[in-house]
Amino acid sequence: MAAGVYQLTPWKRTCLVHCRNPLHFFATHWRPGRAGALRLGWHHGLYCLGCCWVLMGLLFVGGVMNLVWIAAITLFVLAEKLLPAGVGGGRLAGLGLIATGLVSFLRAYYW
């Protein structure tokens, strides 16, 4: 459920905007030299981590070594970042994750 809620937050949308358009990010945050490159990579890496950290956490739910689970999350992240409908699809997936979590919770405690 946490992954679903996170998909709907403004922080996720902000991070996704930067990850969906890295050339614009690089052009606006470019600084010369090694220190500038390090700062640029660190800054962009934080946006990418902010975009996907909860989804990566789902690997612990499905199994860290489960290749099917890894491939499914990878394809979802790829679609969210590259497809024109990726942002809307991410929100829809967030609602699906919340619903799945609620059903699992109710099944565990009431059925």
PDB file of N, CA and C in Angstrom:
ATOM      1  N   MET A   1       0.825  -1.183   0.000  1.00  0.00           N
ATOM      2  CA  MET A   1       0.000   0.000   0.000  1.00  0.00           C
ATOM      3  C   MET A   1       0.876   1.255   0.000  1.00  0.00           C
ATOM      4  N   ALA A   2       2.025   1.175   0.655  1.00  0.00           N
ATOM      5  CA  ALA A   2       2.918   2.335   0.694  1.00  0.00           C
ATOM      6  C   ALA A   2       3.392   2.703  -0.708  1.00  0.00           C
ATOM      7  N   ALA A   3       3.696   1.702  -1.516  1.00  0.00           N
ATOM      8  CA  ALA A   3       4.132   1.974  -2.891  1.00  0.00           C
ATOM      9  C   ALA A   3       3.010   2.634  -3.678  1.00  0.00           C
ATOM     10  N   GLY A   4       1.781   2.217  -3.464  1.00  0.00           N
ATOM     11  CA  GLY A   4       0.643   2.818  -4.155  1.00  0.00           C
ATOM     12  C   GLY A   4       0.410   4.259  -3.738  1.00  0.00           C
ATOM     13  N   VAL A   5       0.487   4.519  -2.447  1.00  0.00           N
ATOM     14  CA  VAL A   5       0.309   5.890  -1.957  1.00  0.00           C
ATOM     15  C   VAL A   5       1.420   6.779  -2.493  1.00  0.00           C
ATOM     16  N   TYR A   6       2.652   6.267  -2.487  1.00  0.00           N
ATOM     17  CA  TYR A   6       3.782   7.061  -2.978  1.00  0.00           C
ATOM     18  C   TYR A   6       3.617   7.425  -4.450  1.00  0.00           C
ATOM     19  N   GLN A   7       3.026   6.527  -5.241  1.00  0.00           N
ATOM     20  CA  GLN A   7       2.808   6.798  -6.662  1.00  0.00           C
ATOM     21  C   GLN A   7       1.929   8.032  -6.875  1.00  0.00           C
ATOM     22  N   LEU A   8       1.136   8.406  -5.888  1.00  0.00           N
ATOM     23  CA  LEU A   8       0.189   9.514  -6.015  1.00  0.00           C
ATOM     24  C   LEU A   8       0.703  10.828  -5.424  1.00  0.00           C
ATOM     25  N   THR A   9       1.901  10.831  -4.849  1.00  0.00           N
ATOM     26  CA  THR A   9       2.395  12.029  -4.170  1.00  0.00           C
ATOM     27  C   THR A   9       3.013  13.037  -5.134  1.00  0.00           C
ATOM     28  N   PRO A  10       3.001  14.310  -4.752  1.00  0.00           N
ATOM     29  CA  PRO A  10       3.658  15.341  -5.574  1.00  0.00           C
ATOM     30  C   PRO A  10       5.173  15.121  -5.676  1.00  0.00           C
ATOM     31  N   TRP A  11       5.797  14.559  -4.640  1.00  0.00           N
ATOM     32  CA  TRP A  11       7.233  14.307  -4.675  1.00  0.00           C
ATOM     33  C   TRP A  11       7.573  13.313  -5.780  1.00  0.00           C
ATOM     34  N   LYS A  12       6.758  12.270  -5.914  1.00  0.00           N
ATOM     35  CA  LYS A  12       6.959  11.286  -6.973  1.00  0.00           C
ATOM     36  C   LYS A  12       6.849  11.955  -8.338  1.00  0.00           C
ATOM     37  N   ARG A  13       5.823  12.797  -8.523  1.00  0.00           N
ATOM     38  CA  ARG A  13       5.642  13.484  -9.810  1.00  0.00           C
ATOM     39  C   ARG A  13       6.823  14.394 -10.119  1.00  0.00           C
ATOM     40  N   THR A  14       7.322  15.106  -9.125  1.00  0.00           N
ATOM     41  CA  THR A  14       8.469  15.990  -9.329  1.00  0.00           C
ATOM     42  C   THR A  14       9.704  15.190  -9.744  1.00  0.00           C
ATOM     43  N   CYS A  15       9.964  14.114  -9.050  1.00  0.00           N
ATOM     44  CA  CYS A  15      11.120  13.276  -9.392  1.00  0.00           C
ATOM     45  C   CYS A  15      10.957  12.662 -10.779  1.00  0.00           C
ATOM     46  N   LEU A  16       9.746  12.245 -11.109  1.00  0.00           N
ATOM     47  CA  LEU A  16       9.495  11.616 -12.405  1.00  0.00           C
ATOM     48  C   LEU A  16       9.698  12.608 -13.548  1.00  0.00           C
ATOM     49  N   VAL A  17       9.342  13.862 -13.341  1.00  0.00           N
ATOM     50  CA  VAL A  17       9.552  14.882 -14.382  1.00  0.00           C
ATOM     51  C   VAL A  17      11.035  14.989 -14.723  1.00  0.00           C
ATOM     52  N   HIS A  18      11.885  14.998 -13.707  1.00  0.00           N
ATOM     53  CA  HIS A  18      13.333  15.103 -13.946  1.00  0.00           C
ATOM     54  C   HIS A  18      13.895  13.842 -14.584  1.00  0.00           C
ATOM     55  N   CYS A  19      13.367  12.690 -14.205  1.00  0.00           N
ATOM     56  CA  CYS A  19      13.873  11.436 -14.782  1.00  0.00           C
ATOM     57  C   CYS A  19      13.352  11.212 -16.199  1.00  0.00           C
ATOM     58  N   ARG A  20      12.186  11.752 -16.516  1.00  0.00           N
ATOM     59  CA  ARG A  20      11.626  11.571 -17.859  1.00  0.00           C
ATOM     60  C   ARG A  20      12.326  12.450 -18.889  1.00  0.00           C
ATOM     61  N   ASN A  21      12.956  13.519 -18.455  1.00  0.00           N
ATOM     62  CA  ASN A  21      13.600  14.435 -19.382  1.00  0.00           C
ATOM     63  C   ASN A  21      15.022  14.755 -18.901  1.00  0.00           C
ATOM     64  N   PRO A  22      15.940  13.785 -18.951  1.00  0.00           N
ATOM     65  CA  PRO A  22      17.275  14.019 -18.400  1.00  0.00           C
ATOM     66  C   PRO A  22      18.095  15.038 -19.185  1.00  0.00           C
ATOM     67  N   LEU A  23      17.887  15.164 -20.482  1.00  0.00           N
ATOM     68  CA  LEU A  23      18.673  16.146 -21.242  1.00  0.00           C
ATOM     69  C   LEU A  23      18.391  17.570 -20.776  1.00  0.00           C
ATOM     70  N   HIS A  24      17.138  17.874 -20.506  1.00  0.00           N
ATOM     71  CA  HIS A  24      16.790  19.199 -19.979  1.00  0.00           C
ATOM     72  C   HIS A  24      17.429  19.397 -18.610  1.00  0.00           C
ATOM     73  N   PHE A  25      17.389  18.360 -17.780  1.00  0.00           N
ATOM     74  CA  PHE A  25      18.017  18.441 -16.461  1.00  0.00           C
ATOM     75  C   PHE A  25      19.509  18.693 -16.591  1.00  0.00           C
ATOM     76  N   PHE A  26      20.171  17.937 -17.470  1.00  0.00           N
ATOM     77  CA  PHE A  26      21.612  18.117 -17.661  1.00  0.00           C
ATOM     78  C   PHE A  26      21.941  19.513 -18.181  1.00  0.00           C
ATOM     79  N   ALA A  27      21.148  20.002 -19.117  1.00  0.00           N
ATOM     80  CA  ALA A  27      21.404  21.317 -19.704  1.00  0.00           C
ATOM     81  C   ALA A  27      21.247  22.431 -18.676  1.00  0.00           C
ATOM     82  N   THR A  28      20.301  22.295 -17.776  1.00  0.00           N
ATOM     83  CA  THR A  28      20.051  23.370 -16.807  1.00  0.00           C
ATOM     84  C   THR A  28      20.911  23.272 -15.555  1.00  0.00           C
ATOM     85  N   HIS A  29      21.490  22.107 -15.277  1.00  0.00           N
ATOM     86  CA  HIS A  29      22.282  21.931 -14.065  1.00  0.00           C
ATOM     87  C   HIS A  29      23.768  21.692 -14.347  1.00  0.00           C
ATOM     88  N   TRP A  30      24.194  21.863 -15.578  1.00  0.00           N
ATOM     89  CA  TRP A  30      25.576  21.605 -15.968  1.00  0.00           C
ATOM     90  C   TRP A  30      26.535  22.571 -15.287  1.00  0.00           C
ATOM     91  N   ARG A  31      27.610  22.029 -14.738  1.00  0.00           N
ATOM     92  CA  ARG A  31      28.713  22.819 -14.189  1.00  0.00           C
ATOM     93  C   ARG A  31      29.997  22.203 -14.715  1.00  0.00           C
ATOM     94  N   PRO A  32      31.003  23.000 -15.061  1.00  0.00           N
ATOM     95  CA  PRO A  32      32.242  22.448 -15.620  1.00  0.00           C
ATOM     96  C   PRO A  32      33.085  21.723 -14.559  1.00  0.00           C
ATOM     97  N   GLY A  33      33.920  20.835 -15.029  1.00  0.00           N
ATOM     98  CA  GLY A  33      34.880  20.162 -14.168  1.00  0.00           C
ATOM     99  C   GLY A  33      34.342  18.904 -13.518  1.00  0.00           C
ATOM    100  N   ARG A  34      35.269  18.232 -12.826  1.00  0.00           N
ATOM    101  CA  ARG A  34      34.903  16.984 -12.158  1.00  0.00           C
ATOM    102  C   ARG A  34      33.911  17.214 -11.026  1.00  0.00           C
ATOM    103  N   ALA A  35      34.114  18.279 -10.279  1.00  0.00           N
ATOM    104  CA  ALA A  35      33.194  18.567  -9.171  1.00  0.00           C
ATOM    105  C   ALA A  35      31.798  18.854  -9.706  1.00  0.00           C
ATOM    106  N   GLY A  36      31.719  19.547 -10.830  1.00  0.00           N
ATOM    107  CA  GLY A  36      30.420  19.815 -11.442  1.00  0.00           C
ATOM    108  C   GLY A  36      29.750  18.544 -11.927  1.00  0.00           C
ATOM    109  N   ALA A  37      30.555  17.640 -12.513  1.00  0.00           N
ATOM    110  CA  ALA A  37      30.011  16.366 -12.979  1.00  0.00           C
ATOM    111  C   ALA A  37      29.532  15.518 -11.803  1.00  0.00           C
ATOM    112  N   LEU A  38      30.300  15.508 -10.733  1.00  0.00           N
ATOM    113  CA  LEU A  38      29.913  14.754  -9.542  1.00  0.00           C
ATOM    114  C   LEU A  38      28.611  15.309  -8.955  1.00  0.00           C
ATOM    115  N   ARG A  39      28.532  16.629  -8.884  1.00  0.00           N
ATOM    116  CA  ARG A  39      27.319  17.257  -8.341  1.00  0.00           C
ATOM    117  C   ARG A  39      26.113  16.972  -9.237  1.00  0.00           C
ATOM    118  N   LEU A  40      26.306  17.051 -10.537  1.00  0.00           N
ATOM    119  CA  LEU A  40      25.230  16.778 -11.484  1.00  0.00           C
ATOM    120  C   LEU A  40      24.752  15.333 -11.356  1.00  0.00           C
ATOM    121  N   GLY A  41      25.684  14.385 -11.300  1.00  0.00           N
ATOM    122  CA  GLY A  41      25.313  12.977 -11.156  1.00  0.00           C
ATOM    123  C   GLY A  41      24.618  12.697  -9.840  1.00  0.00           C
ATOM    124  N   TRP A  42      25.115  13.286  -8.782  1.00  0.00           N
ATOM    125  CA  TRP A  42      24.509  13.112  -7.462  1.00  0.00           C
ATOM    126  C   TRP A  42      23.085  13.671  -7.449  1.00  0.00           C
ATOM    127  N   HIS A  43      22.929  14.857  -7.974  1.00  0.00           N
ATOM    128  CA  HIS A  43      21.624  15.524  -8.000  1.00  0.00           C
ATOM    129  C   HIS A  43      20.628  14.717  -8.836  1.00  0.00           C
ATOM    130  N   HIS A  44      21.025  14.309 -10.031  1.00  0.00           N
ATOM    131  CA  HIS A  44      20.134  13.540 -10.895  1.00  0.00           C
ATOM    132  C   HIS A  44      19.864  12.154 -10.296  1.00  0.00           C
ATOM    133  N   GLY A  45      20.865  11.545  -9.698  1.00  0.00           N
ATOM    134  CA  GLY A  45      20.682  10.249  -9.050  1.00  0.00           C
ATOM    135  C   GLY A  45      19.668  10.302  -7.920  1.00  0.00           C
ATOM    136  N   LEU A  46      19.669  11.397  -7.173  1.00  0.00           N
ATOM    137  CA  LEU A  46      18.679  11.544  -6.102  1.00  0.00           C
ATOM    138  C   LEU A  46      17.261  11.638  -6.669  1.00  0.00           C
ATOM    139  N   TYR A  47      17.111  12.330  -7.795  1.00  0.00           N
ATOM    140  CA  TYR A  47      15.781  12.377  -8.424  1.00  0.00           C
ATOM    141  C   TYR A  47      15.355  10.995  -8.907  1.00  0.00           C
ATOM    142  N   CYS A  48      16.270  10.246  -9.489  1.00  0.00           N
ATOM    143  CA  CYS A  48      15.932   8.899  -9.959  1.00  0.00           C
ATOM    144  C   CYS A  48      15.621   7.975  -8.792  1.00  0.00           C
ATOM    145  N   LEU A  49      16.370   8.092  -7.708  1.00  0.00           N
ATOM    146  CA  LEU A  49      16.084   7.304  -6.519  1.00  0.00           C
ATOM    147  C   LEU A  49      14.728   7.701  -5.934  1.00  0.00           C
ATOM    148  N   GLY A  50      14.455   9.001  -5.891  1.00  0.00           N
ATOM    149  CA  GLY A  50      13.172   9.476  -5.399  1.00  0.00           C
ATOM    150  C   GLY A  50      12.015   9.006  -6.253  1.00  0.00           C
ATOM    151  N   CYS A  51      12.280   8.782  -7.517  1.00  0.00           N
ATOM    152  CA  CYS A  51      11.251   8.327  -8.443  1.00  0.00           C
ATOM    153  C   CYS A  51      10.882   6.867  -8.206  1.00  0.00           C
ATOM    154  N   CYS A  52      11.835   6.044  -7.816  1.00  0.00           N
ATOM    155  CA  CYS A  52      11.610   4.590  -7.854  1.00  0.00           C
ATOM    156  C   CYS A  52      11.923   3.849  -6.569  1.00  0.00           C
ATOM    157  N   TRP A  53      12.277   4.511  -5.496  1.00  0.00           N
ATOM    158  CA  TRP A  53      12.744   3.794  -4.313  1.00  0.00           C
ATOM    159  C   TRP A  53      11.693   2.879  -3.711  1.00  0.00           C
ATOM    160  N   VAL A  54      10.436   3.283  -3.705  1.00  0.00           N
ATOM    161  CA  VAL A  54       9.409   2.423  -3.119  1.00  0.00           C
ATOM    162  C   VAL A  54       9.151   1.220  -4.016  1.00  0.00           C
ATOM    163  N   LEU A  55       9.186   1.445  -5.327  1.00  0.00           N
ATOM    164  CA  LEU A  55       9.013   0.316  -6.248  1.00  0.00           C
ATOM    165  C   LEU A  55      10.148  -0.687  -6.085  1.00  0.00           C
ATOM    166  N   MET A  56      11.363  -0.183  -5.869  1.00  0.00           N
ATOM    167  CA  MET A  56      12.486  -1.083  -5.630  1.00  0.00           C
ATOM    168  C   MET A  56      12.276  -1.843  -4.321  1.00  0.00           C
ATOM    169  N   GLY A  57      11.640  -1.195  -3.365  1.00  0.00           N
ATOM    170  CA  GLY A  57      11.333  -1.867  -2.101  1.00  0.00           C
ATOM    171  C   GLY A  57      10.375  -3.034  -2.272  1.00  0.00           C
ATOM    172  N   LEU A  58       9.567  -2.997  -3.337  1.00  0.00           N
ATOM    173  CA  LEU A  58       8.657  -4.111  -3.611  1.00  0.00           C
ATOM    174  C   LEU A  58       9.411  -5.403  -3.908  1.00  0.00           C
ATOM    175  N   LEU A  59      10.668  -5.286  -4.273  1.00  0.00           N
ATOM    176  CA  LEU A  59      11.464  -6.494  -4.514  1.00  0.00           C
ATOM    177  C   LEU A  59      11.548  -7.361  -3.261  1.00  0.00           C
ATOM    178  N   PHE A  60      11.500  -6.744  -2.095  1.00  0.00           N
ATOM    179  CA  PHE A  60      11.542  -7.517  -0.861  1.00  0.00           C
ATOM    180  C   PHE A  60      10.225  -8.246  -0.617  1.00  0.00           C
ATOM    181  N   VAL A  61       9.151  -7.733  -1.174  1.00  0.00           N
ATOM    182  CA  VAL A  61       7.851  -8.396  -1.053  1.00  0.00           C
ATOM    183  C   VAL A  61       7.789  -9.596  -1.984  1.00  0.00           C
ATOM    184  N   GLY A  62       8.212  -9.397  -3.234  1.00  0.00           N
ATOM    185  CA  GLY A  62       8.125 -10.462  -4.230  1.00  0.00           C
ATOM    186  C   GLY A  62       9.313 -11.387  -4.258  1.00  0.00           C
ATOM    187  N   GLY A  63      10.352 -11.031  -3.577  1.00  0.00           N
ATOM    188  CA  GLY A  63      11.560 -11.855  -3.566  1.00  0.00           C
ATOM    189  C   GLY A  63      12.666 -11.179  -4.336  1.00  0.00           C
ATOM    190  N   VAL A  64      13.743 -10.894  -3.666  1.00  0.00           N
ATOM    191  CA  VAL A  64      14.852 -10.158  -4.265  1.00  0.00           C
ATOM    192  C   VAL A  64      15.463 -10.911  -5.437  1.00  0.00           C
ATOM    193  N   MET A  65      15.437 -12.235  -5.390  1.00  0.00           N
ATOM    194  CA  MET A  65      16.037 -13.029  -6.460  1.00  0.00           C
ATOM    195  C   MET A  65      14.999 -13.590  -7.431  1.00  0.00           C
ATOM    196  N   ASN A  66      13.779 -13.128  -7.364  1.00  0.00           N
ATOM    197  CA  ASN A  66      12.722 -13.599  -8.256  1.00  0.00           C
ATOM    198  C   ASN A  66      12.812 -12.830  -9.573  1.00  0.00           C
ATOM    199  N   LEU A  67      13.286 -13.476 -10.622  1.00  0.00           N
ATOM    200  CA  LEU A  67      13.523 -12.800 -11.891  1.00  0.00           C
ATOM    201  C   LEU A  67      12.235 -12.289 -12.537  1.00  0.00           C
ATOM    202  N   VAL A  68      11.135 -12.984 -12.340  1.00  0.00           N
ATOM    203  CA  VAL A  68       9.857 -12.523 -12.896  1.00  0.00           C
ATOM    204  C   VAL A  68       9.438 -11.213 -12.230  1.00  0.00           C
ATOM    205  N   TRP A  69       9.569 -11.139 -10.920  1.00  0.00           N
ATOM    206  CA  TRP A  69       9.221  -9.936 -10.166  1.00  0.00           C
ATOM    207  C   TRP A  69      10.144  -8.779 -10.559  1.00  0.00           C
ATOM    208  N   ILE A  70      11.422  -9.060 -10.690  1.00  0.00           N
ATOM    209  CA  ILE A  70      12.395  -8.036 -11.099  1.00  0.00           C
ATOM    210  C   ILE A  70      12.058  -7.521 -12.494  1.00  0.00           C
ATOM    211  N   ALA A  71      11.754  -8.416 -13.420  1.00  0.00           N
ATOM    212  CA  ALA A  71      11.416  -8.012 -14.789  1.00  0.00           C
ATOM    213  C   ALA A  71      10.137  -7.189 -14.817  1.00  0.00           C
ATOM    214  N   ALA A  72       9.135  -7.580 -14.026  1.00  0.00           N
ATOM    215  CA  ALA A  72       7.866  -6.839 -14.005  1.00  0.00           C
ATOM    216  C   ALA A  72       8.072  -5.416 -13.499  1.00  0.00           C
ATOM    217  N   ILE A  73       8.819  -5.263 -12.420  1.00  0.00           N
ATOM    218  CA  ILE A  73       9.074  -3.921 -11.884  1.00  0.00           C
ATOM    219  C   ILE A  73       9.924  -3.111 -12.853  1.00  0.00           C
ATOM    220  N   THR A  74      10.898  -3.742 -13.485  1.00  0.00           N
ATOM    221  CA  THR A  74      11.736  -3.056 -14.469  1.00  0.00           C
ATOM    222  C   THR A  74      10.910  -2.552 -15.641  1.00  0.00           C
ATOM    223  N   LEU A  75      10.040  -3.395 -16.165  1.00  0.00           N
ATOM    224  CA  LEU A  75       9.179  -2.984 -17.286  1.00  0.00           C
ATOM    225  C   LEU A  75       8.231  -1.863 -16.875  1.00  0.00           C
ATOM    226  N   PHE A  76       7.711  -1.927 -15.656  1.00  0.00           N
ATOM    227  CA  PHE A  76       6.829  -0.868 -15.184  1.00  0.00           C
ATOM    228  C   PHE A  76       7.572   0.467 -15.101  1.00  0.00           C
ATOM    229  N   VAL A  77       8.764   0.449 -14.499  1.00  0.00           N
ATOM    230  CA  VAL A  77       9.558   1.683 -14.373  1.00  0.00           C
ATOM    231  C   VAL A  77       9.923   2.220 -15.753  1.00  0.00           C
ATOM    232  N   LEU A  78      10.317   1.336 -16.659  1.00  0.00           N
ATOM    233  CA  LEU A  78      10.661   1.747 -18.017  1.00  0.00           C
ATOM    234  C   LEU A  78       9.467   2.390 -18.712  1.00  0.00           C
ATOM    235  N   ALA A  79       8.303   1.783 -18.609  1.00  0.00           N
ATOM    236  CA  ALA A  79       7.095   2.333 -19.235  1.00  0.00           C
ATOM    237  C   ALA A  79       6.723   3.673 -18.615  1.00  0.00           C
ATOM    238  N   GLU A  80       6.846   3.772 -17.304  1.00  0.00           N
ATOM    239  CA  GLU A  80       6.500   5.019 -16.613  1.00  0.00           C
ATOM    240  C   GLU A  80       7.408   6.169 -17.046  1.00  0.00           C
ATOM    241  N   LYS A  81       8.668   5.854 -17.305  1.00  0.00           N
ATOM    242  CA  LYS A  81       9.627   6.895 -17.674  1.00  0.00           C
ATOM    243  C   LYS A  81       9.609   7.234 -19.159  1.00  0.00           C
ATOM    244  N   LEU A  82       9.274   6.278 -20.019  1.00  0.00           N
ATOM    245  CA  LEU A  82       9.416   6.502 -21.455  1.00  0.00           C
ATOM    246  C   LEU A  82       8.117   6.725 -22.216  1.00  0.00           C
ATOM    247  N   LEU A  83       7.037   6.103 -21.806  1.00  0.00           N
ATOM    248  CA  LEU A  83       5.789   6.205 -22.566  1.00  0.00           C
ATOM    249  C   LEU A  83       5.072   7.522 -22.283  1.00  0.00           C
ATOM    250  N   PRO A  84       4.408   8.090 -23.293  1.00  0.00           N
ATOM    251  CA  PRO A  84       3.677   9.346 -23.075  1.00  0.00           C
ATOM    252  C   PRO A  84       2.615   9.229 -21.976  1.00  0.00           C
ATOM    253  N   ALA A  85       1.985   8.078 -21.859  1.00  0.00           N
ATOM    254  CA  ALA A  85       0.956   7.880 -20.837  1.00  0.00           C
ATOM    255  C   ALA A  85       1.546   7.323 -19.542  1.00  0.00           C
ATOM    256  N   GLY A  86       2.854   7.381 -19.400  1.00  0.00           N
ATOM    257  CA  GLY A  86       3.516   6.795 -18.243  1.00  0.00           C
ATOM    258  C   GLY A  86       3.126   7.409 -16.920  1.00  0.00           C
ATOM    259  N   VAL A  87       2.957   8.719 -16.884  1.00  0.00           N
ATOM    260  CA  VAL A  87       2.595   9.381 -15.630  1.00  0.00           C
ATOM    261  C   VAL A  87       1.202   8.940 -15.192  1.00  0.00           C
ATOM    262  N   GLY A  88       0.258   8.962 -16.115  1.00  0.00           N
ATOM    263  CA  GLY A  88      -1.098   8.518 -15.794  1.00  0.00           C
ATOM    264  C   GLY A  88      -1.142   7.040 -15.456  1.00  0.00           C
ATOM    265  N   GLY A  89      -0.354   6.244 -16.162  1.00  0.00           N
ATOM    266  CA  GLY A  89      -0.275   4.817 -15.865  1.00  0.00           C
ATOM    267  C   GLY A  89       0.300   4.561 -14.488  1.00  0.00           C
ATOM    268  N   GLY A  90       1.250   5.376 -14.084  1.00  0.00           N
ATOM    269  CA  GLY A  90       1.823   5.253 -12.743  1.00  0.00           C
ATOM    270  C   GLY A  90       0.806   5.551 -11.665  1.00  0.00           C
ATOM    271  N   ARG A  91      -0.020   6.553 -11.901  1.00  0.00           N
ATOM    272  CA  ARG A  91      -1.078   6.869 -10.931  1.00  0.00           C
ATOM    273  C   ARG A  91      -2.105   5.747 -10.862  1.00  0.00           C
ATOM    274  N   LEU A  92      -2.460   5.223 -12.024  1.00  0.00           N
ATOM    275  CA  LEU A  92      -3.405   4.111 -12.071  1.00  0.00           C
ATOM    276  C   LEU A  92      -2.818   2.884 -11.366  1.00  0.00           C
ATOM    277  N   ALA A  93      -1.562   2.625 -11.596  1.00  0.00           N
ATOM    278  CA  ALA A  93      -0.894   1.512 -10.911  1.00  0.00           C
ATOM    279  C   ALA A  93      -0.856   1.756  -9.408  1.00  0.00           C
ATOM    280  N   GLY A  94      -0.690   3.011  -9.004  1.00  0.00           N
ATOM    281  CA  GLY A  94      -0.719   3.340  -7.578  1.00  0.00           C
ATOM    282  C   GLY A  94      -2.047   2.971  -6.951  1.00  0.00           C
ATOM    283  N   LEU A  95      -3.137   3.282  -7.639  1.00  0.00           N
ATOM    284  CA  LEU A  95      -4.459   2.902  -7.137  1.00  0.00           C
ATOM    285  C   LEU A  95      -4.594   1.384  -7.070  1.00  0.00           C
ATOM    286  N   GLY A  96      -4.052   0.703  -8.064  1.00  0.00           N
ATOM    287  CA  GLY A  96      -4.081  -0.759  -8.054  1.00  0.00           C
ATOM    288  C   GLY A  96      -3.282  -1.345  -6.905  1.00  0.00           C
ATOM    289  N   LEU A  97      -2.126  -0.744  -6.613  1.00  0.00           N
ATOM    290  CA  LEU A  97      -1.313  -1.219  -5.494  1.00  0.00           C
ATOM    291  C   LEU A  97      -2.014  -1.001  -4.160  1.00  0.00           C
ATOM    292  N   ILE A  98      -2.687   0.142  -4.024  1.00  0.00           N
ATOM    293  CA  ILE A  98      -3.445   0.414  -2.794  1.00  0.00           C
ATOM    294  C   ILE A  98      -4.573  -0.605  -2.642  1.00  0.00           C
ATOM    295  N   ALA A  99      -5.301  -0.846  -3.724  1.00  0.00           N
ATOM    296  CA  ALA A  99      -6.408  -1.811  -3.675  1.00  0.00           C
ATOM    297  C   ALA A  99      -5.895  -3.221  -3.345  1.00  0.00           C
ATOM    298  N   THR A 100      -4.787  -3.612  -3.952  1.00  0.00           N
ATOM    299  CA  THR A 100      -4.207  -4.932  -3.672  1.00  0.00           C
ATOM    300  C   THR A 100      -3.788  -5.035  -2.213  1.00  0.00           C
ATOM    301  N   GLY A 101      -3.196  -3.984  -1.693  1.00  0.00           N
ATOM    302  CA  GLY A 101      -2.799  -3.976  -0.284  1.00  0.00           C
ATOM    303  C   GLY A 101      -3.986  -4.065   0.647  1.00  0.00           C
ATOM    304  N   LEU A 102      -5.051  -3.338   0.324  1.00  0.00           N
ATOM    305  CA  LEU A 102      -6.255  -3.392   1.160  1.00  0.00           C
ATOM    306  C   LEU A 102      -6.891  -4.775   1.134  1.00  0.00           C
ATOM    307  N   VAL A 103      -6.973  -5.369  -0.039  1.00  0.00           N
ATOM    308  CA  VAL A 103      -7.539  -6.724  -0.146  1.00  0.00           C
ATOM    309  C   VAL A 103      -6.684  -7.713   0.645  1.00  0.00           C
ATOM    310  N   SER A 104      -5.380  -7.599   0.538  1.00  0.00           N
ATOM    311  CA  SER A 104      -4.493  -8.501   1.282  1.00  0.00           C
ATOM    312  C   SER A 104      -4.663  -8.310   2.785  1.00  0.00           C
ATOM    313  N   PHE A 105      -4.774  -7.078   3.210  1.00  0.00           N
ATOM    314  CA  PHE A 105      -4.969  -6.780   4.630  1.00  0.00           C
ATOM    315  C   PHE A 105      -6.289  -7.352   5.121  1.00  0.00           C
ATOM    316  N   LEU A 106      -7.351  -7.106   4.390  1.00  0.00           N
ATOM    317  CA  LEU A 106      -8.670  -7.595   4.788  1.00  0.00           C
ATOM    318  C   LEU A 106      -8.709  -9.129   4.783  1.00  0.00           C
ATOM    319  N   ARG A 107      -8.083  -9.727   3.794  1.00  0.00           N
ATOM    320  CA  ARG A 107      -8.061 -11.188   3.713  1.00  0.00           C
ATOM    321  C   ARG A 107      -7.299 -11.783   4.904  1.00  0.00           C
ATOM    322  N   ALA A 108      -6.212 -11.143   5.300  1.00  0.00           N
ATOM    323  CA  ALA A 108      -5.411 -11.664   6.388  1.00  0.00           C
ATOM    324  C   ALA A 108      -6.115 -11.543   7.743  1.00  0.00           C
ATOM    325  N   TYR A 109      -6.906 -10.503   7.932  1.00  0.00           N
ATOM    326  CA  TYR A 109      -7.487 -10.247   9.241  1.00  0.00           C
ATOM    327  C   TYR A 109      -8.974 -10.563   9.363  1.00  0.00           C
ATOM    328  N   TYR A 110      -9.686 -10.644   8.263  1.00  0.00           N
ATOM    329  CA  TYR A 110     -11.132 -10.819   8.372  1.00  0.00           C
ATOM    330  C   TYR A 110     -11.667 -12.044   7.643  1.00  0.00           C
ATOM    331  N   TRP A 111     -10.876 -12.717   6.824  1.00  0.00           N
ATOM    332  CA  TRP A 111     -11.394 -13.875   6.102  1.00  0.00           C
ATOM    333  C   TRP A 111     -10.722 -15.107   6.533  1.00  0.00           C
TER     334      TRP A 111
END
